[in-house]
Every structure is written in structure tokens, then in C-alpha cells.
Amino acid sequence: MTEDSCGGCPSASESDRIVEEIQNDLEHNRIEGQYSASLRNKWLFIVAMGIVCAVAFICSLVFGSVNIPFADTFKALGHLLLPGFVDGPSQDYYENIIANSRLPRTLLCLLTGVSLAAAGTIMQGLLRNPLVSPFTLGVSTAASFGAALSIVVFPSVLGGFYYESMDFAGLTMSVKNLLIVLLSFCFGMSSILLVLKVSKKDATRTTLVLSGVVISYLFQAGISLSQYISDDESLRTISNWLMGGMWNATWGAIVLMTPIVVVCLLFLMKTSIDINSLSAGDEIARNVGVDVNSLRRRGLVVSTLVTSTCVAFSGVIGFIGLMAPHMTRMAIGNDTRFVLPASALMGASILLFSDIVARKVLYPDQLPVGIILYVVGGIFFIWMVTRKNWGSRL
């Protein structure tokens, strides 16, 4: 072949350029395909957790001291929502049980599980510490001290009025429960404000965690003192509250909690992108325009707000904020935009199933759900820390 006959052939440099472009296109398509597959898996996991949560929700309505058939459960719910279109259940008292007892309790489990798991996800992301949760940062301990203070002090201060009932936002609540909720909420919020005050000059993640541990010990001392000076009845009330349970589940609690939980979750979702930048380190996050200290303060305050709101009604519920985020990261990675909703659904599912077990294990009596979660959480924690790469999840 002569040179003239190959006049249309590409030169060697042009051939290399074409080969390089083809390789780049293949690499781009491969990366893009991997990213699309990763997004698809994340969304599928969220949908799967939503289905599990829905199943747990229905099971929580069905099982209890009186087992209600699934068909009657759906009929009762349908009759409550659309009384003119759906017939009631086979037994009239089924609808009363679901409407006035199980549905508020199930909704309280749902809101509490979602809130604790979401708060744990944000706290772990902000401080990049796999051991951080509302339980370990002292929020639950401070809320417990507020409840203990209300139980021990106010009966002697208010006398018989402490046991009266009053209308609040159109719903009836006892003065006793209202004061327990109010003080546990206030002290839960005060704990994180103290942590931020102590670490004001050095708001690094290590200082924040250590400050939380110290504040937790101080409030624990207050709880111990409250138990020591209380009478038998108050001591039993404090002990039951510290074990955690859904006994305060009322429609009044649901009405008060729902708007706070929804607003806080929306705010935390909004900050999830900035929290992702912290995974590369504080300096890199600052270089891309993130105010790290402000982000940590705002995130911790909002996480504490939603945690205190739920703990005020449910008592101390441990390990949800630790287990759910870790289990979610094991499945879909560290992207907080997806970990947050998936972890929230998983936390709700764990608490709903645990509450079902708590209702059935000593049938017809009920066991505090906190005891079930201590057992499950302790086993999970031991398994987690024995893994070689457990600390690299953040």
C-alpha cells in the first residue's frame, strides 16, 4: 500500500486520541452506571424499610392483651376514618381498643423511634463518632432528672392539685404527667446548652463528646439523689419512667409531638448535605463554605429538641439512636441524605417490634420496652465493637 492510498487514514497521534476518547467514554459510562445502581439500591432500601415499618405498625395494632384479627383491625381503622363507607369490626369493643389505646401507643412508638434514630444519625455525622447518640450525649439522662425532680418535689408543693386533670389544647391531661413532660423536656434541652457552653471556646468534636459525658454524670448524680430521698410510691414511679415505656400514650401527646417532630426532621434533612462534607474533615468542609461550628451547634440543638420531646412522653429509650444509624450504614453507605430517612424508618420499626415483644413476653402483663431494647442494644453493641472496621462507618 502506498502513502497515497492511505491518505484518508488517521495519523498515529489521532488514533491515540480516538482510543483515549473511547476509553474515557467507557470509564464515564461505567462510573455513571455504578452511581445509578448505588442510588437505586439506596431508594430500594428506603422503600423496603417503609414496608417493614408499615407491617410493624399494623402488627402493633393487632397484638396485645386482646388479640384483634387483622381483618377487624383494618375494619376498625377504616370505620374510624370513613365511618359512612366502611363497616365496623365484628366486635364493637375492638374499635374502642384501637382508637383509644393502641393507635395512640403505636403512633407514639412511631414518632419516638423516628426521632431517636434521626437524632442519632445527625449526632454521629456531626461529631464523626460511632458511639454518639442521644443516650450517650446525656440528653436522656438530663430529661430523666427533670422527670425525677417533678415526681419527688411537686407532690409536696402542689398537694392534691398535683393529681388533678386539666384541659390542654382541647385534650385532657393530668397535672402530674404535664409537669413530668415539661420538666423532662426543659432539662433535656438544658443538657445540650450546657455542653455547648462548656465547649464554647473549643467546639471540636472531641470536646463536645467529653462535655456531654461529664454533663451526663452530673445529671445522673441528681437522679440518684432524687431516688434516695423519695418515698416508696415516688421511687416506683421514677424507676418505671427510667425503664422506658409507652404508658403515657394519649392523643394529647400525639397532638403535641407531631408538629415538633415534623419540623425538626425537615430541618435535619436540609442540613444533611452539609453533614456529608464533614466526613472529609473539618478543614475540607470549611474550604467548601461550611460553617462547621455553627452547623454542629444548630444540628445538636435541633437533635436534642426532637429527642427531648419524645423522651418526655416515653421515658428513657436507649440504643435506638445507636443501632439504627449503624445498621443503615452497613446496608447503604454513609450518604446522610439517604441514611437519615432510612435510619428513621428502621428506628421506628425496631421500637414498634420491641414494644410488641414487651406486651407479649409476660402476657397478660406488660414489660417496659426499655428492658427489651437494653438486651437487643447490648448484644448489637458487643457485636459491633468486635468488628475490625466498625469505627470506619463514618
Protein backbone atom coordinates (compact mmCIF):
# COMPACT_ATOMS: atom_id res chain seq x y z
CA MET A 1 0.00 0.00 0.00
CA THR A 2 1.42 3.34 -0.99
CA GLU A 3 1.32 6.53 1.01
CA ASP A 4 -1.23 7.99 -1.43
CA SER A 5 -3.58 5.05 -0.98
CA CYS A 6 -3.65 5.69 2.80
CA GLY A 7 -4.21 9.40 2.51
CA GLY A 8 -7.56 9.13 4.41
CA CYS A 9 -6.16 7.07 7.29
CA PRO A 10 -5.77 8.80 10.67
CA SER A 11 -2.28 9.56 11.89
CA ALA A 12 -0.76 7.77 14.88
CA SER A 13 -1.46 10.71 17.23
CA GLU A 14 -5.05 10.98 16.02
CA SER A 15 -5.52 7.24 16.56
CA ASP A 16 -4.25 7.56 20.12
CA ARG A 17 -6.65 10.44 20.71
CA ILE A 18 -9.62 8.41 19.43
CA VAL A 19 -8.65 5.43 21.58
CA GLU A 20 -8.32 7.70 24.63
CA GLU A 21 -11.76 9.24 23.99
CA ILE A 22 -13.31 5.79 23.70
CA GLN A 23 -11.65 4.71 26.95
CA ASN A 24 -12.86 7.87 28.71
CA ASP A 25 -16.42 7.30 27.46
CA LEU A 26 -16.34 3.70 28.67
CA GLU A 27 -14.97 4.77 32.06
CA HIS A 28 -17.59 7.53 32.35
CA ASN A 29 -20.38 5.11 31.46
CA ARG A 30 -19.06 2.60 33.99
CA ILE A 31 -18.90 5.17 36.79
CA GLU A 32 -22.28 6.59 35.84
CA GLY A 33 -23.73 3.08 35.83
CA GLN A 34 -22.27 2.35 39.25
CA TYR A 35 -23.65 5.61 40.63
CA SER A 36 -27.12 4.91 39.20
CA ALA A 37 -27.05 1.41 40.65
CA SER A 38 -25.98 2.81 44.02
CA LEU A 39 -28.84 5.34 44.02
CA ARG A 40 -31.28 2.63 43.02
CA ASN A 41 -30.13 0.39 45.87
CA LYS A 42 -30.47 3.24 48.37
CA TRP A 43 -34.02 4.03 47.28
CA LEU A 44 -34.94 0.35 47.28
CA PHE A 45 -33.65 0.04 50.83
CA ILE A 46 -35.71 3.06 51.94
CA VAL A 47 -38.82 1.59 50.31
CA ALA A 48 -38.12 -1.78 51.95
CA MET A 49 -37.77 -0.13 55.36
CA GLY A 50 -41.03 1.73 54.74
CA ILE A 51 -42.77 -1.59 54.08
CA VAL A 52 -41.24 -3.14 57.23
CA CYS A 53 -42.34 -0.12 59.25
CA ALA A 54 -45.88 -0.40 57.87
CA VAL A 55 -46.00 -4.10 58.79
CA ALA A 56 -44.75 -3.31 62.29
CA PHE A 57 -47.38 -0.57 62.59
CA ILE A 58 -50.23 -2.96 61.73
CA CYS A 59 -48.85 -5.71 63.99
CA SER A 60 -48.70 -3.22 66.87
CA LEU A 61 -52.42 -2.58 66.41
CA VAL A 62 -53.22 -6.30 66.24
CA PHE A 63 -51.24 -7.78 69.13
CA GLY A 64 -51.72 -7.03 72.80
CA SER A 65 -53.60 -8.31 75.85
CA VAL A 66 -56.53 -8.76 73.46
CA ASN A 67 -55.51 -10.09 70.06
CA ILE A 68 -57.61 -8.48 67.33
CA PRO A 69 -57.83 -10.25 63.92
CA PHE A 70 -56.17 -8.46 61.01
CA ALA A 71 -59.48 -8.09 59.15
CA ASP A 72 -61.14 -6.46 62.16
CA THR A 73 -58.11 -4.19 62.62
CA PHE A 74 -58.46 -2.84 59.08
CA LYS A 75 -62.22 -2.53 59.51
CA ALA A 76 -61.76 -0.58 62.74
CA LEU A 77 -59.25 1.79 61.09
CA GLY A 78 -61.46 2.21 58.05
CA HIS A 79 -64.54 2.86 60.18
CA LEU A 80 -62.64 5.49 62.19
CA LEU A 81 -61.52 7.30 59.04
CA LEU A 82 -64.57 6.72 56.83
CA PRO A 83 -67.48 5.76 59.07
CA GLY A 84 -70.04 6.19 56.28
CA PHE A 85 -68.25 3.89 53.84
CA VAL A 86 -66.59 1.15 55.92
CA ASP A 87 -68.40 -1.16 58.29
CA GLY A 88 -67.12 -1.56 61.84
CA PRO A 89 -65.34 -4.65 63.20
CA SER A 90 -67.13 -7.79 64.31
CA GLN A 91 -66.91 -6.71 67.97
CA ASP A 92 -67.70 -3.14 68.99
CA TYR A 93 -65.02 -3.05 71.68
CA TYR A 94 -62.30 -3.74 69.06
CA GLU A 95 -62.77 -0.25 67.68
CA ASN A 96 -62.64 1.28 71.16
CA ILE A 97 -59.40 -0.55 71.98
CA ILE A 98 -57.74 0.55 68.75
CA ALA A 99 -58.99 4.14 68.81
CA ASN A 100 -58.28 4.96 72.46
CA SER A 101 -55.37 2.69 73.36
CA ARG A 102 -53.40 1.00 70.61
CA LEU A 103 -53.43 3.67 67.92
CA PRO A 104 -52.01 6.42 70.20
CA ARG A 105 -49.48 3.94 71.59
CA THR A 106 -48.43 2.85 68.11
CA LEU A 107 -48.13 6.44 66.92
CA LEU A 108 -46.02 7.29 69.99
CA CYS A 109 -43.72 4.35 69.16
CA LEU A 110 -43.50 5.54 65.57
CA LEU A 111 -42.68 9.16 66.45
CA THR A 112 -40.21 8.17 69.17
CA GLY A 113 -38.36 5.64 67.02
CA VAL A 114 -38.15 8.03 64.07
CA SER A 115 -36.92 10.88 66.26
CA LEU A 116 -34.29 8.96 68.22
CA ALA A 117 -32.87 7.30 65.10
CA ALA A 118 -32.76 10.56 63.16
CA ALA A 119 -31.14 12.37 66.08
CA GLY A 120 -28.53 9.61 66.42
CA THR A 121 -27.75 9.78 62.70
CA ILE A 122 -27.20 13.54 62.81
CA MET A 123 -25.17 13.47 66.02
CA GLN A 124 -22.88 10.75 64.70
CA GLY A 125 -22.44 12.61 61.43
CA LEU A 126 -21.74 15.95 63.11
CA LEU A 127 -19.20 14.56 65.57
CA ARG A 128 -17.93 11.69 63.38
CA ASN A 129 -18.06 9.38 66.35
CA PRO A 130 -19.72 5.96 66.10
CA LEU A 131 -20.60 5.95 69.81
CA VAL A 132 -22.55 9.21 69.84
CA SER A 133 -26.32 9.11 70.31
CA PRO A 134 -28.92 10.98 72.37
CA PHE A 135 -28.39 8.33 75.02
CA THR A 136 -24.61 8.78 75.26
CA LEU A 137 -24.54 12.59 74.99
CA GLY A 138 -26.56 13.00 78.18
CA VAL A 139 -29.86 14.17 76.73
CA SER A 140 -31.79 11.17 78.08
CA THR A 141 -30.10 11.46 81.48
CA ALA A 142 -30.95 15.14 81.78
CA ALA A 143 -34.57 14.51 80.78
CA SER A 144 -34.71 11.71 83.37
CA PHE A 145 -33.52 14.11 86.05
CA GLY A 146 -36.27 16.55 85.12
CA ALA A 147 -38.88 13.81 85.40
CA ALA A 148 -37.46 12.60 88.73
CA LEU A 149 -37.46 16.15 90.08
CA SER A 150 -41.11 16.57 89.12
CA ILE A 151 -42.09 13.27 90.75
CA VAL A 152 -40.26 13.94 94.03
CA VAL A 153 -40.73 17.69 94.58
CA PHE A 154 -44.10 18.74 93.17
CA PRO A 155 -46.44 16.42 95.16
CA SER A 156 -45.46 18.22 98.38
CA VAL A 157 -45.51 21.65 96.72
CA LEU A 158 -48.84 21.38 94.89
CA GLY A 159 -50.63 18.96 97.19
CA GLY A 160 -53.84 17.48 95.81
CA PHE A 161 -53.71 19.67 92.70
CA TYR A 162 -50.75 17.54 91.51
CA TYR A 163 -53.15 14.64 90.89
CA GLU A 164 -55.89 16.69 89.21
CA SER A 165 -56.62 16.74 85.48
CA MET A 166 -56.85 19.77 83.24
CA ASP A 167 -57.73 20.60 79.66
CA PHE A 168 -54.76 21.40 77.44
CA ALA A 169 -55.27 22.30 73.77
CA GLY A 170 -58.71 20.71 73.91
CA LEU A 171 -57.35 17.47 75.37
CA THR A 172 -57.37 16.22 78.96
CA MET A 173 -54.04 15.68 80.69
CA SER A 174 -53.20 15.13 84.35
CA VAL A 175 -51.16 17.82 86.08
CA LYS A 176 -48.68 15.12 87.13
CA ASN A 177 -47.98 13.98 83.55
CA LEU A 178 -47.92 17.54 82.27
CA LEU A 179 -45.26 18.55 84.80
CA ILE A 180 -43.19 15.43 84.09
CA VAL A 181 -43.30 16.20 80.37
CA LEU A 182 -42.48 19.88 80.87
CA LEU A 183 -39.52 19.38 83.22
CA SER A 184 -38.03 16.45 81.31
CA PHE A 185 -38.23 18.50 78.11
CA CYS A 186 -36.63 21.57 79.71
CA PHE A 187 -33.78 19.64 81.32
CA GLY A 188 -33.17 17.64 78.16
CA MET A 189 -32.71 20.89 76.25
CA SER A 190 -30.59 22.38 79.02
CA SER A 191 -28.13 19.49 78.77
CA ILE A 192 -27.05 20.31 75.23
CA LEU A 193 -26.98 24.04 76.02
CA LEU A 194 -24.60 23.27 78.90
CA VAL A 195 -22.49 21.10 76.60
CA LEU A 196 -22.24 23.93 74.05
CA LYS A 197 -21.47 26.44 76.81
CA VAL A 198 -18.70 24.31 78.29
CA SER A 199 -17.14 23.71 74.86
CA LYS A 200 -17.70 27.27 73.59
CA LYS A 201 -14.01 28.09 73.24
CA ASP A 202 -13.20 24.75 71.63
CA ALA A 203 -16.19 23.35 69.74
CA THR A 204 -14.29 20.40 68.30
CA ARG A 205 -15.97 17.03 68.18
CA THR A 206 -13.75 15.57 70.93
CA THR A 207 -14.53 18.41 73.33
CA LEU A 208 -18.25 18.17 72.62
CA VAL A 209 -18.33 14.43 73.30
CA LEU A 210 -16.33 14.72 76.53
CA SER A 211 -18.51 17.62 77.70
CA GLY A 212 -21.61 15.52 77.04
CA VAL A 213 -20.22 12.65 79.12
CA VAL A 214 -19.40 14.98 82.03
CA ILE A 215 -22.82 16.66 81.95
CA SER A 216 -24.45 13.23 81.85
CA TYR A 217 -22.65 12.21 85.05
CA LEU A 218 -23.81 15.38 86.81
CA PHE A 219 -27.46 14.74 85.95
CA GLN A 220 -27.07 11.08 86.90
CA ALA A 221 -26.00 12.24 90.36
CA GLY A 222 -29.22 14.28 90.56
CA ILE A 223 -31.28 11.22 89.61
CA SER A 224 -29.60 9.14 92.31
CA LEU A 225 -30.29 11.83 94.90
CA SER A 226 -33.94 12.02 93.84
CA GLN A 227 -34.30 8.26 94.23
CA TYR A 228 -32.60 8.35 97.63
CA ILE A 229 -34.89 10.98 99.15
CA SER A 230 -38.15 9.77 97.55
CA ASP A 231 -40.83 7.67 99.21
CA ASP A 232 -41.83 4.21 98.00
CA GLU A 233 -44.50 5.38 95.59
CA SER A 234 -42.30 8.07 94.03
CA LEU A 235 -39.37 5.66 93.82
CA ARG A 236 -41.50 3.17 91.89
CA THR A 237 -42.71 5.91 89.53
CA ILE A 238 -39.16 7.07 88.87
CA SER A 239 -37.97 3.52 88.27
CA ASN A 240 -40.77 2.84 85.78
CA TRP A 241 -40.03 6.08 83.94
CA LEU A 242 -36.31 5.30 83.75
CA MET A 243 -37.06 1.89 82.21
CA GLY A 244 -38.98 3.50 79.36
CA GLY A 245 -42.46 2.63 78.20
CA MET A 246 -45.45 3.74 76.20
CA TRP A 247 -47.82 4.13 79.15
CA ASN A 248 -48.21 7.88 78.57
CA ALA A 249 -49.51 7.36 75.04
CA THR A 250 -52.54 9.62 74.62
CA TRP A 251 -53.96 11.64 71.78
CA GLY A 252 -52.83 14.74 73.65
CA ALA A 253 -49.23 13.52 73.49
CA ILE A 254 -49.54 12.78 69.77
CA VAL A 255 -51.01 16.23 69.02
CA LEU A 256 -48.18 17.96 70.92
CA MET A 257 -45.37 15.84 69.48
CA THR A 258 -46.28 15.60 65.81
CA PRO A 259 -45.62 19.22 64.68
CA ILE A 260 -42.34 19.40 66.61
CA VAL A 261 -41.09 16.12 65.19
CA VAL A 262 -42.07 17.01 61.61
CA VAL A 263 -40.44 20.46 61.68
CA CYS A 264 -37.23 19.14 63.28
CA LEU A 265 -36.94 16.28 60.76
CA LEU A 266 -37.36 18.69 57.84
CA PHE A 267 -34.60 20.89 59.25
CA LEU A 268 -32.28 17.90 59.76
CA MET A 269 -32.92 16.74 56.19
CA LYS A 270 -31.97 20.20 54.97
CA THR A 271 -28.60 20.01 56.77
CA SER A 272 -27.77 16.50 55.53
CA ILE A 273 -25.74 17.76 52.53
CA ASP A 274 -23.52 19.92 54.75
CA ILE A 275 -23.09 17.00 57.15
CA ASN A 276 -21.81 14.89 54.24
CA SER A 277 -18.97 17.38 53.77
CA LEU A 278 -17.81 16.79 57.36
CA SER A 279 -16.89 13.20 56.53
CA ALA A 280 -13.82 14.51 54.70
CA GLY A 281 -12.71 16.53 57.73
CA ASP A 282 -13.42 19.93 59.24
CA GLU A 283 -10.84 21.78 57.14
CA ILE A 284 -12.17 20.47 53.84
CA ALA A 285 -15.72 21.30 54.94
CA ARG A 286 -14.63 24.86 55.72
CA ASN A 287 -12.93 25.13 52.32
CA VAL A 288 -16.21 24.36 50.56
CA GLY A 289 -18.02 27.07 52.53
CA VAL A 290 -19.50 25.19 55.52
CA ASP A 291 -19.52 26.97 58.88
CA VAL A 292 -18.55 23.88 60.85
CA ASN A 293 -19.07 25.22 64.38
CA SER A 294 -22.44 26.76 63.55
CA LEU A 295 -23.55 23.58 61.79
CA ARG A 296 -22.64 21.48 64.82
CA ARG A 297 -24.43 23.78 67.24
CA ARG A 298 -27.61 24.02 65.18
CA GLY A 299 -27.65 20.30 64.42
CA LEU A 300 -27.09 19.29 68.04
CA VAL A 301 -29.74 21.71 69.36
CA VAL A 302 -32.40 20.52 66.89
CA SER A 303 -31.50 16.86 67.51
CA THR A 304 -31.81 17.45 71.24
CA LEU A 305 -35.14 19.25 70.76
CA VAL A 306 -36.72 16.31 68.94
CA THR A 307 -35.16 13.81 71.37
CA SER A 308 -36.34 15.68 74.47
CA THR A 309 -39.85 15.95 73.06
CA CYS A 310 -40.13 12.18 72.65
CA VAL A 311 -38.30 11.16 75.83
CA ALA A 312 -40.61 13.48 77.79
CA PHE A 313 -43.53 11.18 76.95
CA SER A 314 -41.87 7.77 76.62
CA GLY A 315 -39.21 7.80 79.31
CA VAL A 316 -35.65 6.65 78.64
CA ILE A 317 -35.44 4.66 75.41
CA GLY A 318 -31.85 3.60 74.82
CA PHE A 319 -29.86 2.28 71.88
CA ILE A 320 -32.31 3.25 69.09
CA GLY A 321 -30.12 6.22 68.18
CA LEU A 322 -27.06 3.97 68.17
CA MET A 323 -28.36 0.85 66.42
CA ALA A 324 -30.47 2.24 63.59
CA PRO A 325 -27.81 4.52 62.00
CA HIS A 326 -25.15 1.81 62.08
CA MET A 327 -27.39 -0.87 60.62
CA THR A 328 -28.42 1.54 57.86
CA ARG A 329 -24.84 2.50 57.00
CA MET A 330 -23.92 -1.16 56.74
CA ALA A 331 -26.58 -1.51 54.06
CA ILE A 332 -26.35 1.70 52.00
CA GLY A 333 -23.17 3.56 52.96
CA ASN A 334 -22.60 6.95 54.54
CA ASP A 335 -24.61 9.41 52.43
CA THR A 336 -26.63 11.24 55.10
CA ARG A 337 -29.29 12.27 52.56
CA PHE A 338 -30.33 8.61 52.37
CA VAL A 339 -29.14 7.36 55.76
CA LEU A 340 -31.39 9.80 57.62
CA PRO A 341 -34.79 8.68 56.25
CA ALA A 342 -33.77 5.02 56.13
CA SER A 343 -32.46 5.15 59.69
CA ALA A 344 -35.64 6.90 60.88
CA LEU A 345 -37.81 4.15 59.40
CA MET A 346 -35.55 1.47 60.85
CA GLY A 347 -35.65 3.09 64.29
CA ALA A 348 -39.44 3.16 64.19
CA SER A 349 -39.55 -0.49 63.12
CA ILE A 350 -37.18 -1.58 65.91
CA LEU A 351 -39.19 0.24 68.57
CA LEU A 352 -42.54 -1.00 67.25
CA PHE A 353 -41.42 -4.64 67.21
CA SER A 354 -39.75 -4.25 70.63
CA ASP A 355 -42.97 -2.85 72.06
CA ILE A 356 -44.89 -5.83 70.67
CA VAL A 357 -42.44 -8.20 72.40
CA ALA A 358 -42.75 -6.17 75.62
CA ARG A 359 -46.53 -6.65 75.52
CA LYS A 360 -46.38 -10.39 74.82
CA VAL A 361 -43.39 -11.71 76.80
CA LEU A 362 -45.20 -11.53 80.19
CA TYR A 363 -48.72 -11.85 78.78
CA PRO A 364 -51.14 -10.55 80.01
CA ASP A 365 -48.79 -8.18 81.90
CA GLN A 366 -46.51 -5.74 80.08
CA LEU A 367 -42.75 -5.36 80.31
CA PRO A 368 -41.13 -1.91 79.94
CA VAL A 369 -39.92 -1.63 76.36
CA GLY A 370 -36.64 -0.13 77.58
CA ILE A 371 -35.67 -3.51 79.05
CA ILE A 372 -36.12 -5.20 75.66
CA LEU A 373 -34.01 -2.53 73.97
CA TYR A 374 -31.25 -2.80 76.58
CA VAL A 375 -30.94 -6.50 75.78
CA VAL A 376 -31.11 -6.04 72.00
CA GLY A 377 -28.85 -2.97 72.08
CA GLY A 378 -26.29 -4.62 74.32
CA ILE A 379 -26.00 -7.63 72.01
CA PHE A 380 -25.76 -5.37 68.98
CA PHE A 381 -23.13 -3.16 70.63
CA ILE A 382 -20.93 -6.14 71.55
CA TRP A 383 -21.19 -7.46 68.01
CA MET A 384 -20.43 -4.05 66.54
CA VAL A 385 -17.28 -3.27 68.53
CA THR A 386 -15.82 -6.72 67.85
CA ARG A 387 -15.83 -6.00 64.10
CA LYS A 388 -12.46 -4.86 62.80
CA ASN A 389 -13.81 -1.98 60.71
CA TRP A 390 -16.63 -0.82 62.99
CA GLY A 391 -15.07 2.62 63.51
CA SER A 392 -14.78 3.32 59.78
CA ARG A 393 -18.52 3.60 59.19
CA LEU A 394 -18.37 7.41 59.39
